[in-house]
N, C-alpha and C. Protein backbone atom coordinates (compact mmCIF):
# COMPACT_ATOMS: atom_id res chain seq x y z
N MET A 1 243.92 30.85 76.81
CA MET A 1 242.65 30.33 75.98
C MET A 1 242.08 31.65 75.38
N ASP A 2 241.82 31.14 73.98
CA ASP A 2 241.21 32.50 73.38
C ASP A 2 239.62 32.40 73.55
N THR A 3 239.32 33.34 74.18
CA THR A 3 237.76 33.28 74.88
C THR A 3 236.88 33.72 73.73
N ASN A 4 237.38 34.19 72.46
CA ASN A 4 236.68 34.78 71.28
C ASN A 4 236.35 33.16 70.52
N GLU A 5 237.16 32.39 70.34
CA GLU A 5 236.94 31.14 69.87
C GLU A 5 235.98 30.25 70.68
N TRP A 6 236.36 30.17 71.98
CA TRP A 6 235.63 29.38 72.75
C TRP A 6 234.56 29.84 73.65
N ASN A 7 233.88 30.64 73.39
CA ASN A 7 232.62 31.37 73.37
C ASN A 7 231.07 30.83 73.13
N PRO A 8 230.43 30.26 74.14
CA PRO A 8 229.22 29.84 73.69
C PRO A 8 228.04 30.77 73.08
N SER A 9 228.12 31.94 73.67
CA SER A 9 227.27 33.02 73.17
C SER A 9 227.48 33.27 71.75
N THR A 10 228.93 32.96 71.09
CA THR A 10 228.91 33.51 69.78
C THR A 10 229.45 32.24 68.64
N ASP A 11 229.66 31.21 69.34
CA ASP A 11 230.42 29.99 68.74
C ASP A 11 229.34 29.68 67.43
N ARG A 12 230.21 29.52 66.28
CA ARG A 12 229.39 29.42 64.89
C ARG A 12 229.34 27.75 64.83
N TYR A 13 229.95 27.03 65.70
CA TYR A 13 230.01 25.58 65.31
C TYR A 13 228.63 25.05 66.00
N ILE A 14 228.13 25.50 67.06
CA ILE A 14 227.24 24.88 67.85
C ILE A 14 225.70 25.05 67.57
N SER A 15 224.83 24.28 67.54
CA SER A 15 223.42 24.59 67.28
C SER A 15 222.61 25.71 68.26
N ALA A 16 222.75 25.96 69.60
CA ALA A 16 222.16 26.84 70.11
C ALA A 16 223.30 27.72 70.70
N ASN A 17 223.44 28.97 70.89
CA ASN A 17 224.27 29.77 71.37
C ASN A 17 223.59 30.00 72.94
N TYR A 18 224.49 30.38 74.02
CA TYR A 18 224.03 30.51 75.08
C TYR A 18 225.03 31.06 76.13
N ASP A 19 224.57 31.65 77.23
CA ASP A 19 225.23 32.33 78.13
C ASP A 19 224.84 31.82 79.66
N ALA A 20 225.36 32.60 80.47
CA ALA A 20 224.64 31.82 81.89
C ALA A 20 223.41 32.16 82.20
N THR A 21 222.49 32.83 81.67
CA THR A 21 221.24 33.13 81.68
C THR A 21 220.48 31.99 80.89
N THR A 22 220.92 31.26 80.05
CA THR A 22 220.34 30.77 78.90
C THR A 22 220.88 29.15 78.83
N VAL A 23 221.96 28.93 79.42
CA VAL A 23 222.64 27.63 79.43
C VAL A 23 221.69 26.47 79.67
N MET A 24 220.65 26.53 80.44
CA MET A 24 219.95 25.26 80.76
C MET A 24 218.92 25.23 79.83
N ASP A 25 218.48 26.26 79.16
CA ASP A 25 217.63 26.02 78.04
C ASP A 25 218.28 25.46 76.72
N ALA A 26 219.57 26.02 76.48
CA ALA A 26 220.36 25.54 75.23
C ALA A 26 220.98 24.41 75.36
N LYS A 27 221.22 23.89 76.48
CA LYS A 27 222.03 22.48 76.61
C LYS A 27 221.28 21.41 75.78
N PRO A 28 220.01 21.20 75.97
CA PRO A 28 219.20 20.20 75.42
C PRO A 28 219.35 20.11 73.94
N PHE A 29 219.21 21.35 73.35
CA PHE A 29 219.21 21.53 72.21
C PHE A 29 220.65 21.05 71.44
N ASN A 30 221.80 21.59 71.99
CA ASN A 30 222.79 21.17 71.63
C ASN A 30 223.15 19.57 71.95
N LYS A 31 222.75 19.32 72.92
CA LYS A 31 222.75 17.56 73.17
C LYS A 31 222.22 16.92 72.07
N GLU A 32 221.00 17.21 71.83
CA GLU A 32 220.21 16.61 70.94
C GLU A 32 220.90 16.69 69.33
N ALA A 33 221.46 17.84 69.06
CA ALA A 33 222.17 17.83 67.69
C ALA A 33 223.26 16.82 67.71
N LEU A 34 223.86 17.05 68.63
CA LEU A 34 225.18 15.98 68.77
C LEU A 34 224.85 14.59 68.54
N GLN A 35 223.46 14.27 69.34
CA GLN A 35 223.13 12.76 69.62
C GLN A 35 222.57 12.62 67.91
N VAL A 36 222.13 13.15 67.12
CA VAL A 36 221.75 13.15 66.08
C VAL A 36 222.95 13.04 65.33
N GLU A 37 223.93 13.68 65.05
CA GLU A 37 225.11 13.68 64.60
C GLU A 37 225.83 12.62 64.59
N VAL A 38 225.96 11.89 65.65
CA VAL A 38 226.66 10.45 66.00
C VAL A 38 226.17 9.33 66.02
N LYS A 39 224.57 9.48 66.05
CA LYS A 39 223.61 8.37 65.73
C LYS A 39 223.51 7.61 67.25
N LEU A 40 223.41 8.39 68.40
CA LEU A 40 223.09 7.88 69.48
C LEU A 40 221.48 8.28 69.70
N LEU A 41 221.09 7.75 70.43
CA LEU A 41 219.55 7.75 71.28
C LEU A 41 219.21 9.41 71.38
N VAL A 42 218.43 9.95 70.82
CA VAL A 42 217.95 11.31 70.96
C VAL A 42 217.03 11.54 72.38
N ASP A 43 217.72 11.78 73.46
CA ASP A 43 216.99 12.11 74.59
C ASP A 43 217.70 13.22 75.44
N ARG A 44 216.85 14.24 75.48
CA ARG A 44 217.77 15.71 76.13
C ARG A 44 217.94 15.44 77.31
N ASN A 45 217.46 14.50 78.01
CA ASN A 45 217.49 14.33 79.63
C ASN A 45 218.66 13.51 79.84
N ILE A 46 219.62 12.97 78.83
CA ILE A 46 220.44 12.05 79.22
C ILE A 46 221.81 12.95 79.42
N PRO A 47 222.52 12.77 80.70
CA PRO A 47 223.72 13.67 81.00
C PRO A 47 224.80 12.92 79.97
N VAL A 48 225.41 13.98 79.58
CA VAL A 48 227.07 13.74 78.72
C VAL A 48 227.94 14.10 79.29
N ILE A 49 228.85 13.24 79.24
CA ILE A 49 230.43 13.52 79.89
C ILE A 49 231.25 13.33 78.64
N ALA A 50 232.21 14.30 78.67
CA ALA A 50 233.31 14.22 77.69
C ALA A 50 234.82 14.19 78.03
N PHE A 51 235.64 13.81 77.04
CA PHE A 51 237.00 13.65 77.19
C PHE A 51 237.43 14.23 75.90
N ILE A 52 238.33 15.32 75.63
CA ILE A 52 238.79 15.55 74.61
C ILE A 52 240.40 15.99 74.95
N GLY A 53 241.16 15.39 74.03
CA GLY A 53 242.88 15.51 74.43
C GLY A 53 243.59 14.63 73.48
N ARG A 54 244.91 14.85 73.74
CA ARG A 54 245.78 14.28 73.15
C ARG A 54 246.04 12.77 73.66
N LEU A 55 245.94 11.34 73.01
CA LEU A 55 246.10 10.40 73.65
C LEU A 55 247.10 9.98 74.03
N GLU A 56 247.99 10.42 75.24
CA GLU A 56 249.30 9.81 75.65
C GLU A 56 248.99 9.52 77.10
N GLU A 57 249.84 8.91 77.75
CA GLU A 57 249.74 8.32 79.03
C GLU A 57 249.54 9.44 79.99
N GLN A 58 250.18 10.69 79.66
CA GLN A 58 250.29 11.64 80.64
C GLN A 58 248.89 12.11 80.80
N LYS A 59 248.13 12.02 79.71
CA LYS A 59 246.68 12.65 79.73
C LYS A 59 245.66 11.68 80.56
N GLY A 60 246.41 10.50 80.56
CA GLY A 60 245.32 9.84 81.43
C GLY A 60 243.97 9.03 81.01
N SER A 61 244.26 8.98 79.54
CA SER A 61 243.14 8.16 78.69
C SER A 61 243.00 6.78 79.26
N ASP A 62 244.02 6.36 79.31
CA ASP A 62 244.17 4.61 79.70
C ASP A 62 243.35 4.59 80.86
N ILE A 63 243.65 5.34 81.98
CA ILE A 63 242.83 5.34 83.03
C ILE A 63 241.29 5.53 82.83
N LEU A 64 240.75 6.44 82.20
CA LEU A 64 239.42 6.61 82.00
C LEU A 64 238.96 5.16 81.28
N ALA A 65 239.77 4.81 80.15
CA ALA A 65 239.11 3.52 79.40
C ALA A 65 238.98 2.56 80.24
N ALA A 66 239.87 2.48 81.51
CA ALA A 66 239.95 1.15 82.45
C ALA A 66 238.91 1.27 83.09
N ALA A 67 238.34 2.81 83.54
CA ALA A 67 237.26 3.00 84.47
C ALA A 67 235.65 2.94 83.84
N ILE A 68 235.69 3.17 82.60
CA ILE A 68 234.35 3.53 81.83
C ILE A 68 233.58 2.32 82.07
N PRO A 69 234.11 0.91 81.78
CA PRO A 69 233.08 -0.33 81.75
C PRO A 69 232.76 -0.42 83.26
N GLU A 70 233.25 -0.01 84.17
CA GLU A 70 232.74 -0.23 85.71
C GLU A 70 231.80 0.77 86.09
N PHE A 71 231.93 2.18 85.50
CA PHE A 71 230.92 2.99 85.84
C PHE A 71 229.42 2.76 85.05
N ILE A 72 229.71 2.45 83.75
CA ILE A 72 228.68 2.00 82.93
C ILE A 72 227.81 0.95 83.40
N ASP A 73 228.54 -0.16 84.07
CA ASP A 73 227.98 -1.50 84.55
C ASP A 73 227.28 -1.09 85.80
N GLU A 74 227.79 -0.31 86.58
CA GLU A 74 227.23 -0.01 87.99
C GLU A 74 226.52 1.28 88.18
N ASN A 75 226.72 2.17 87.47
CA ASN A 75 226.11 3.27 87.90
C ASN A 75 225.30 4.07 86.42
N VAL A 76 225.71 3.65 85.43
CA VAL A 76 224.93 4.37 84.20
C VAL A 76 224.64 3.40 83.23
N PRO A 77 223.73 2.39 83.82
CA PRO A 77 222.97 1.61 82.76
C PRO A 77 222.07 2.09 81.74
N SER A 78 221.57 2.92 81.45
CA SER A 78 220.81 3.53 80.47
C SER A 78 220.55 5.40 80.58
N TYR A 79 221.47 5.90 81.19
CA TYR A 79 221.04 7.58 81.32
C TYR A 79 222.28 8.45 81.04
N SER A 80 223.15 7.96 80.48
CA SER A 80 224.35 8.78 80.38
C SER A 80 224.95 8.24 79.08
N SER A 81 225.92 9.39 78.34
CA SER A 81 226.58 8.88 77.42
C SER A 81 227.76 9.49 77.34
N LEU A 82 229.09 8.86 76.65
CA LEU A 82 230.28 9.75 76.93
C LEU A 82 231.02 9.78 75.40
N HIS A 83 231.57 11.02 75.33
CA HIS A 83 232.13 11.31 74.04
C HIS A 83 233.72 11.33 74.17
N LEU A 84 234.54 10.56 73.58
CA LEU A 84 235.79 10.57 73.85
C LEU A 84 236.31 10.98 72.49
N GLN A 85 237.20 12.23 72.39
CA GLN A 85 237.75 12.60 71.19
C GLN A 85 239.27 13.02 71.48
N GLY A 86 240.01 12.38 70.34
CA GLY A 86 241.46 12.69 70.42
C GLY A 86 242.18 11.85 69.34
N THR A 87 243.42 12.09 69.32
CA THR A 87 244.34 10.99 68.48
C THR A 87 245.60 11.13 69.16
N GLY A 88 246.44 10.24 69.00
CA GLY A 88 247.94 9.90 69.22
C GLY A 88 248.32 8.43 69.49
N LYS A 89 248.64 7.89 70.34
CA LYS A 89 249.21 6.49 70.37
C LYS A 89 248.20 5.70 69.86
N LYS A 90 248.37 4.53 69.00
CA LYS A 90 247.72 3.90 68.44
C LYS A 90 246.87 2.85 69.34
N LYS A 91 247.74 2.44 70.30
CA LYS A 91 247.09 1.26 71.41
C LYS A 91 246.28 2.21 72.32
N LEU A 92 246.16 3.59 72.36
CA LEU A 92 245.16 4.33 73.26
C LEU A 92 244.27 4.44 72.25
N GLU A 93 244.27 4.70 70.90
CA GLU A 93 243.09 4.88 70.13
C GLU A 93 242.21 3.72 70.22
N GLN A 94 243.09 2.39 70.06
CA GLN A 94 242.31 1.12 70.22
C GLN A 94 241.51 1.03 71.36
N GLN A 95 242.05 1.54 72.45
CA GLN A 95 241.11 1.29 73.67
C GLN A 95 239.92 1.81 73.58
N LEU A 96 240.03 3.13 73.05
CA LEU A 96 238.80 4.13 72.91
C LEU A 96 237.76 3.20 72.07
N ALA A 97 238.37 2.77 70.82
CA ALA A 97 237.52 2.24 70.04
C ALA A 97 236.77 1.17 70.50
N LEU A 98 237.55 0.28 71.23
CA LEU A 98 236.73 -1.04 71.90
C LEU A 98 235.83 -0.73 72.63
N LEU A 99 236.01 0.33 73.36
CA LEU A 99 234.83 0.73 74.36
C LEU A 99 233.41 1.14 73.64
N GLU A 100 233.76 1.91 72.28
CA GLU A 100 232.61 2.09 71.63
C GLU A 100 231.89 0.79 71.09
N ASN A 101 232.95 -0.25 70.72
CA ASN A 101 232.59 -1.34 70.11
C ASN A 101 231.48 -2.07 71.26
N MET A 102 232.14 -1.80 72.52
CA MET A 102 231.56 -2.87 73.97
C MET A 102 230.12 -1.91 74.38
N PHE A 103 230.15 -0.60 73.84
CA PHE A 103 228.86 0.12 74.33
C PHE A 103 228.22 1.20 73.40
N PRO A 104 228.00 0.40 72.26
CA PRO A 104 227.59 1.38 71.12
C PRO A 104 226.52 1.94 71.30
N ASP A 105 225.62 2.06 72.34
CA ASP A 105 224.47 2.86 72.62
C ASP A 105 224.85 4.01 73.63
N LYS A 106 226.24 3.85 74.09
CA LYS A 106 226.66 4.79 75.23
C LYS A 106 227.50 5.65 74.99
N VAL A 107 228.64 5.20 74.21
CA VAL A 107 230.05 5.66 74.17
C VAL A 107 229.99 5.96 72.34
N ARG A 108 230.87 6.99 72.24
CA ARG A 108 231.72 7.20 70.82
C ARG A 108 232.70 7.52 71.23
N ALA A 109 233.64 6.88 70.21
CA ALA A 109 235.13 7.60 70.26
C ALA A 109 235.26 8.16 68.92
N HIS A 110 235.50 9.51 69.01
CA HIS A 110 235.93 10.34 67.89
C HIS A 110 237.50 10.32 67.77
N LEU A 111 237.90 9.57 66.95
CA LEU A 111 239.46 9.54 66.64
C LEU A 111 240.06 10.09 65.43
N LYS A 112 239.76 11.30 65.69
CA LYS A 112 240.22 12.32 64.57
C LYS A 112 240.36 13.87 65.14
N PHE A 113 240.77 14.36 64.26
CA PHE A 113 240.79 16.10 64.74
C PHE A 113 239.79 16.81 64.17
N ASN A 114 238.81 17.24 64.63
CA ASN A 114 237.43 17.64 63.98
C ASN A 114 237.25 18.79 65.10
N VAL A 115 237.48 20.11 64.70
CA VAL A 115 237.02 21.53 65.59
C VAL A 115 235.69 21.37 65.51
N PRO A 116 234.88 21.29 64.61
CA PRO A 116 233.46 21.61 64.84
C PRO A 116 233.02 20.45 65.77
N LEU A 117 233.25 19.29 65.74
CA LEU A 117 232.83 18.31 66.25
C LEU A 117 233.05 18.61 67.67
N ALA A 118 234.47 19.10 68.25
CA ALA A 118 234.79 19.30 69.44
C ALA A 118 233.97 20.52 70.23
N HIS A 119 233.66 21.65 69.37
CA HIS A 119 232.87 22.55 70.29
C HIS A 119 231.50 21.89 70.39
N GLY A 120 231.14 21.01 69.39
CA GLY A 120 229.66 20.38 69.77
C GLY A 120 229.71 19.47 70.93
N ILE A 121 230.61 18.96 71.12
CA ILE A 121 230.96 18.14 72.24
C ILE A 121 230.67 18.83 73.24
N MET A 122 231.58 20.11 73.66
CA MET A 122 231.68 20.79 74.43
C MET A 122 230.37 21.54 74.82
N ALA A 123 229.58 21.99 73.94
CA ALA A 123 228.54 22.79 74.33
C ALA A 123 227.21 21.81 74.66
N ALA A 124 227.53 20.46 74.10
CA ALA A 124 226.49 19.33 74.77
C ALA A 124 226.78 18.83 75.98
N CYS A 125 228.08 18.61 76.60
CA CYS A 125 228.38 17.74 77.62
C CYS A 125 227.97 18.73 78.94
N HIS A 126 227.92 17.88 80.19
CA HIS A 126 227.47 18.45 81.39
C HIS A 126 228.82 18.49 82.12
N SER A 127 229.73 17.55 82.01
CA SER A 127 231.01 17.52 82.65
C SER A 127 232.06 16.97 81.65
N PHE A 128 233.32 17.50 82.01
CA PHE A 128 234.62 17.10 81.28
C PHE A 128 235.22 16.44 82.02
N CYS A 129 236.04 15.22 81.53
CA CYS A 129 236.97 14.55 82.58
C CYS A 129 238.42 14.86 82.11
N GLY A 130 238.96 15.52 83.13
CA GLY A 130 240.28 15.74 82.87
C GLY A 130 241.34 14.92 83.87
N SER A 131 241.69 13.95 82.92
CA SER A 131 242.34 12.90 83.73
C SER A 131 243.97 12.77 83.77
N SER A 132 244.43 13.74 83.52
CA SER A 132 246.01 14.01 83.34
C SER A 132 246.61 13.41 84.90
N ARG A 133 247.73 12.88 84.42
CA ARG A 133 248.62 12.18 85.61
C ARG A 133 249.44 13.02 86.35
N MET A 134 250.26 13.96 85.31
CA MET A 134 251.08 14.79 86.13
C MET A 134 251.36 16.03 85.05
N GLU A 135 250.71 16.14 83.75
CA GLU A 135 251.05 17.09 82.91
C GLU A 135 249.91 18.43 83.20
N PHE A 136 250.24 19.57 83.02
CA PHE A 136 249.25 20.55 83.14
C PHE A 136 248.43 20.51 81.95
N GLN A 137 247.04 20.60 82.28
CA GLN A 137 245.91 20.49 81.43
C GLN A 137 245.16 21.64 81.54
N ASN A 138 245.02 22.49 80.56
CA ASN A 138 243.94 23.56 80.54
C ASN A 138 242.40 23.22 80.20
N LEU A 139 241.72 23.54 81.44
CA LEU A 139 240.50 23.28 81.25
C LEU A 139 239.48 24.61 81.23
N ASP A 140 240.14 25.62 81.13
CA ASP A 140 239.52 27.01 80.82
C ASP A 140 238.23 26.85 79.95
N HIS A 141 238.69 26.32 78.57
CA HIS A 141 237.31 26.22 77.81
C HIS A 141 236.11 25.22 78.17
N CYS A 142 236.50 24.24 79.43
CA CYS A 142 235.26 23.56 80.01
C CYS A 142 234.46 24.59 80.61
N GLU A 143 235.21 25.35 81.74
CA GLU A 143 234.31 26.28 82.34
C GLU A 143 233.89 27.49 81.67
N ASN A 144 234.54 27.95 80.56
CA ASN A 144 234.03 28.98 79.71
C ASN A 144 232.83 28.35 78.91
N PHE A 145 232.61 27.09 78.84
CA PHE A 145 231.42 26.64 78.10
C PHE A 145 230.45 26.23 79.14
N LEU A 146 230.56 26.56 80.45
CA LEU A 146 229.64 26.22 81.76
C LEU A 146 229.31 24.99 81.84
N GLN A 147 230.39 24.18 81.83
CA GLN A 147 230.13 22.68 82.40
C GLN A 147 231.32 22.35 83.28
N PRO A 148 230.94 22.18 84.77
CA PRO A 148 231.86 22.01 85.57
C PRO A 148 232.85 20.65 85.29
N PRO A 149 234.32 20.87 85.01
CA PRO A 149 235.15 19.64 84.94
C PRO A 149 235.24 18.90 86.15
N MET A 150 235.69 17.43 86.03
CA MET A 150 236.05 16.59 87.05
C MET A 150 237.31 16.27 86.42
N CYS A 151 238.40 16.68 87.37
CA CYS A 151 239.77 16.43 87.22
C CYS A 151 240.67 15.78 88.20
N ALA A 152 241.74 15.45 87.92
CA ALA A 152 242.77 14.95 88.50
C ALA A 152 243.59 16.03 89.25
N THR A 153 243.84 15.99 90.53
CA THR A 153 244.65 17.16 91.05
C THR A 153 245.94 17.25 90.80
N THR A 154 246.22 18.13 89.82
CA THR A 154 247.71 18.14 89.25
C THR A 154 247.91 19.40 88.45
N GLY A 155 249.23 19.65 88.54
CA GLY A 155 249.67 20.86 87.67
C GLY A 155 248.63 22.40 87.75
N GLY A 156 248.14 22.97 86.85
CA GLY A 156 247.41 24.13 87.02
C GLY A 156 246.18 23.67 87.24
N LEU A 157 245.67 22.63 86.97
CA LEU A 157 244.16 22.05 87.38
C LEU A 157 244.19 22.56 89.23
N VAL A 158 245.27 22.41 89.99
CA VAL A 158 245.15 22.80 91.30
C VAL A 158 244.42 24.07 91.38
N ASP A 159 245.03 25.17 90.75
CA ASP A 159 244.61 26.57 90.90
C ASP A 159 243.45 26.87 89.83
N THR A 160 243.00 26.18 88.76
CA THR A 160 242.22 26.57 87.66
C THR A 160 240.71 26.08 87.95
N VAL A 161 240.80 25.05 88.74
CA VAL A 161 239.40 24.22 89.01
C VAL A 161 239.31 24.31 90.71
N LYS A 162 238.12 25.08 90.99
CA LYS A 162 238.25 25.16 92.75
C LYS A 162 237.30 24.16 93.12
N GLU A 163 237.43 23.39 93.75
CA GLU A 163 236.90 22.18 94.37
C GLU A 163 235.31 22.64 94.91
N GLY A 164 234.18 22.13 93.96
CA GLY A 164 232.87 22.20 94.70
C GLY A 164 232.29 23.61 94.08
N ILE A 165 233.14 24.37 93.59
CA ILE A 165 232.91 26.02 93.11
C ILE A 165 232.78 26.23 91.47
N THR A 166 233.93 25.57 90.98
CA THR A 166 233.94 25.66 89.43
C THR A 166 234.16 23.95 88.96
N GLY A 167 234.29 23.27 89.79
CA GLY A 167 234.67 21.94 89.30
C GLY A 167 234.66 21.11 90.68
N LEU A 168 234.97 19.59 90.10
CA LEU A 168 235.38 18.55 91.04
C LEU A 168 236.74 18.02 90.97
N HIS A 169 237.21 17.79 92.14
CA HIS A 169 238.70 17.30 92.02
C HIS A 169 238.52 15.68 92.34
N MET A 170 239.43 14.84 91.42
CA MET A 170 239.35 13.37 91.78
C MET A 170 240.83 13.14 92.70
N ARG A 171 241.49 14.02 93.02
CA ARG A 171 242.55 13.89 94.02
C ARG A 171 243.92 13.35 92.97
N PRO A 172 245.27 13.45 93.17
CA PRO A 172 246.36 13.32 92.51
C PRO A 172 246.42 11.62 91.88
N PHE A 173 246.77 11.45 91.07
CA PHE A 173 246.76 10.09 90.26
C PHE A 173 248.31 9.80 90.19
N ASN A 174 248.52 8.35 90.11
CA ASN A 174 249.80 7.77 90.21
C ASN A 174 250.72 8.44 88.84
N VAL A 175 251.79 9.18 88.94
CA VAL A 175 252.52 9.42 88.08
C VAL A 175 253.26 8.52 86.99
N ASP A 176 253.00 7.06 87.64
CA ASP A 176 254.01 6.03 86.69
C ASP A 176 252.97 5.84 85.31
N CYS A 177 253.53 6.19 84.34
CA CYS A 177 252.85 6.17 82.95
C CYS A 177 252.66 4.55 82.48
N ASP A 178 253.96 3.67 83.10
CA ASP A 178 253.56 2.31 82.76
C ASP A 178 252.79 1.57 83.53
N VAL A 179 251.86 2.44 84.55
CA VAL A 179 250.83 1.52 85.17
C VAL A 179 249.65 2.22 85.31
N VAL A 180 248.48 1.14 85.26
CA VAL A 180 247.11 1.68 85.51
C VAL A 180 246.90 1.58 86.72
N ASP A 181 246.85 2.50 87.75
CA ASP A 181 246.58 2.17 89.25
C ASP A 181 245.06 1.83 89.50
N GLU A 182 244.59 0.97 90.21
CA GLU A 182 243.24 0.47 90.43
C GLU A 182 242.87 1.58 91.36
N ASP A 183 243.53 2.36 92.17
CA ASP A 183 243.14 3.31 93.17
C ASP A 183 242.53 4.53 92.19
N ASP A 184 243.38 4.83 91.13
CA ASP A 184 242.98 5.84 89.95
C ASP A 184 241.77 5.57 89.05
N ILE A 185 241.65 4.30 89.06
CA ILE A 185 240.63 3.82 88.14
C ILE A 185 239.11 4.00 89.12
N GLN A 186 239.38 3.79 90.40
CA GLN A 186 238.13 3.84 91.12
C GLN A 186 237.93 5.53 91.48
N LYS A 187 238.68 6.18 91.64
CA LYS A 187 238.81 7.71 91.68
C LYS A 187 237.75 8.16 90.32
N VAL A 188 238.01 7.66 89.54
CA VAL A 188 237.26 8.09 88.15
C VAL A 188 235.78 7.59 87.97
N VAL A 189 235.77 6.39 88.82
CA VAL A 189 234.52 5.72 88.75
C VAL A 189 233.57 6.44 90.12
N LYS A 190 234.22 6.92 91.26
CA LYS A 190 233.38 7.56 92.43
C LYS A 190 233.06 8.80 91.76
N MET A 191 234.15 9.76 90.96
CA MET A 191 233.74 11.00 90.71
C MET A 191 232.64 11.12 89.62
N THR A 192 232.61 10.09 88.76
CA THR A 192 231.47 10.00 87.88
C THR A 192 230.19 9.68 88.45
N LYS A 193 230.04 9.02 89.47
CA LYS A 193 229.06 9.08 90.31
C LYS A 193 228.63 10.08 90.96
N ARG A 194 229.68 10.75 91.69
CA ARG A 194 229.27 12.31 92.46
C ARG A 194 228.87 13.24 91.27
N VAL A 195 229.61 13.22 89.75
CA VAL A 195 228.93 14.23 88.86
C VAL A 195 227.20 13.95 88.53
N LEU A 196 226.84 12.64 88.43
CA LEU A 196 225.60 12.21 87.95
C LEU A 196 224.76 12.61 89.14
N GLU A 197 225.30 12.72 90.46
CA GLU A 197 224.52 12.80 91.59
C GLU A 197 223.84 14.51 91.69
N VAL A 198 225.37 15.09 91.45
CA VAL A 198 224.77 16.49 91.23
C VAL A 198 224.10 17.26 90.09
N TYR A 199 224.17 16.37 88.99
CA TYR A 199 223.54 16.82 88.08
C TYR A 199 222.23 17.42 87.94
N GLN A 200 221.74 18.43 87.21
CA GLN A 200 220.42 18.86 87.72
C GLN A 200 220.03 19.32 89.05
N THR A 201 221.05 19.53 89.89
CA THR A 201 220.59 20.08 91.28
C THR A 201 221.00 21.60 91.22
N ALA A 202 220.64 21.90 92.53
CA ALA A 202 221.00 23.54 92.80
C ALA A 202 222.38 23.77 92.91
N ALA A 203 223.22 22.82 93.49
CA ALA A 203 224.72 22.93 93.63
C ALA A 203 225.46 22.87 92.25
N PHE A 204 224.70 22.19 91.07
CA PHE A 204 225.37 22.14 90.01
C PHE A 204 224.94 23.17 89.15
N ALA A 205 223.73 23.81 89.27
CA ALA A 205 223.69 25.07 88.80
C ALA A 205 224.34 26.32 89.31
N LYS A 206 224.71 26.29 90.53
CA LYS A 206 225.36 27.23 91.36
C LYS A 206 227.05 26.97 90.53
N MET A 207 227.68 25.86 90.41
CA MET A 207 228.88 25.59 89.79
C MET A 207 228.83 26.29 88.24
N ILE A 208 227.69 26.11 87.70
CA ILE A 208 227.70 26.67 86.35
C ILE A 208 227.74 28.13 86.45
N GLN A 209 227.05 28.75 87.18
CA GLN A 209 227.39 30.22 87.34
C GLN A 209 228.56 30.74 87.77
N ASN A 210 229.16 29.78 88.95
CA ASN A 210 230.60 30.29 89.21
C ASN A 210 231.55 30.24 87.95
N CYS A 211 231.19 29.33 87.30
CA CYS A 211 232.25 29.19 85.90
C CYS A 211 232.08 30.67 85.27
N MET A 212 230.81 30.81 84.79
CA MET A 212 230.24 32.16 84.13
C MET A 212 231.03 33.24 84.59
N ASP A 213 231.18 33.21 86.01
CA ASP A 213 231.40 34.66 86.50
C ASP A 213 233.01 34.66 86.49
N GLN A 214 233.80 33.72 85.95
CA GLN A 214 235.15 33.93 86.01
C GLN A 214 235.72 34.51 84.49
N ASP A 215 236.70 35.26 84.92
CA ASP A 215 237.33 36.18 83.74
C ASP A 215 238.32 35.00 83.16
N LEU A 216 238.28 34.27 82.39
CA LEU A 216 239.29 33.07 81.71
C LEU A 216 239.99 33.55 80.61
N SER A 217 240.08 35.06 80.34
CA SER A 217 240.78 35.55 79.46
C SER A 217 242.28 35.64 79.65
N TRP A 218 243.05 36.15 78.78
CA TRP A 218 244.48 36.58 79.19
C TRP A 218 244.72 37.75 79.75
N LYS A 219 243.66 38.68 80.06
CA LYS A 219 243.33 40.18 80.69
C LYS A 219 244.10 39.97 82.01
N GLY A 220 243.92 39.12 82.52
CA GLY A 220 244.22 38.90 84.30
C GLY A 220 245.86 38.51 84.39
N PRO A 221 246.25 37.43 83.63
CA PRO A 221 247.52 37.19 83.48
C PRO A 221 248.36 38.17 82.90
N ALA A 222 247.87 38.82 82.04
CA ALA A 222 248.95 39.87 81.35
C ALA A 222 249.18 41.07 82.24
N LYS A 223 248.37 41.33 83.18
CA LYS A 223 248.66 42.52 83.88
C LYS A 223 249.39 42.04 85.14
N LYS A 224 249.73 40.77 85.35
CA LYS A 224 250.61 40.29 86.28
C LYS A 224 251.87 40.02 85.77
């Protein structure tokens, strides 16, 4: 990961730069800036969950799309928003667009490549959903932006996201890309509930600090 580009203390695309000591103060400003930009209710107390990635079955966006109506209905009636950004297969883009139509006050589907918007989403969100079925997914930029990711237990995520320390694991997903497994849908639903439970707690603040304490540059791997 390019820690110069994905560095919230110097990022030129975000409204309020921050580090581990100022993240709790800056997040609300970045959240409000994003809410204004995408025309959602402006409320700094609303937690934000994000997905940014290529829209292919390996990335699991279809699993996330199937889970969202369930956790919005039963667990997030009025106090969370979701930002889904990516391009790829048309049927998967259509799934995300449908979600925005279903929940216009809570969901935004950003179906375009937009670097400033991606940085703005990362700076505003409180957790990032890494829903890959089997493909390595690099979530270092999430931890560098100081939001603990929730992720499927697969590939490099097994090593880069430490359960309860720098993020939360949903366990492995079914690797059959032709099937959206109900068990996997429920893993996303349950983990979203867990993220919202720890949001604004001491445990969440500790995970943010742990993310900040990591060296996510290439210096360590280069030495090996």
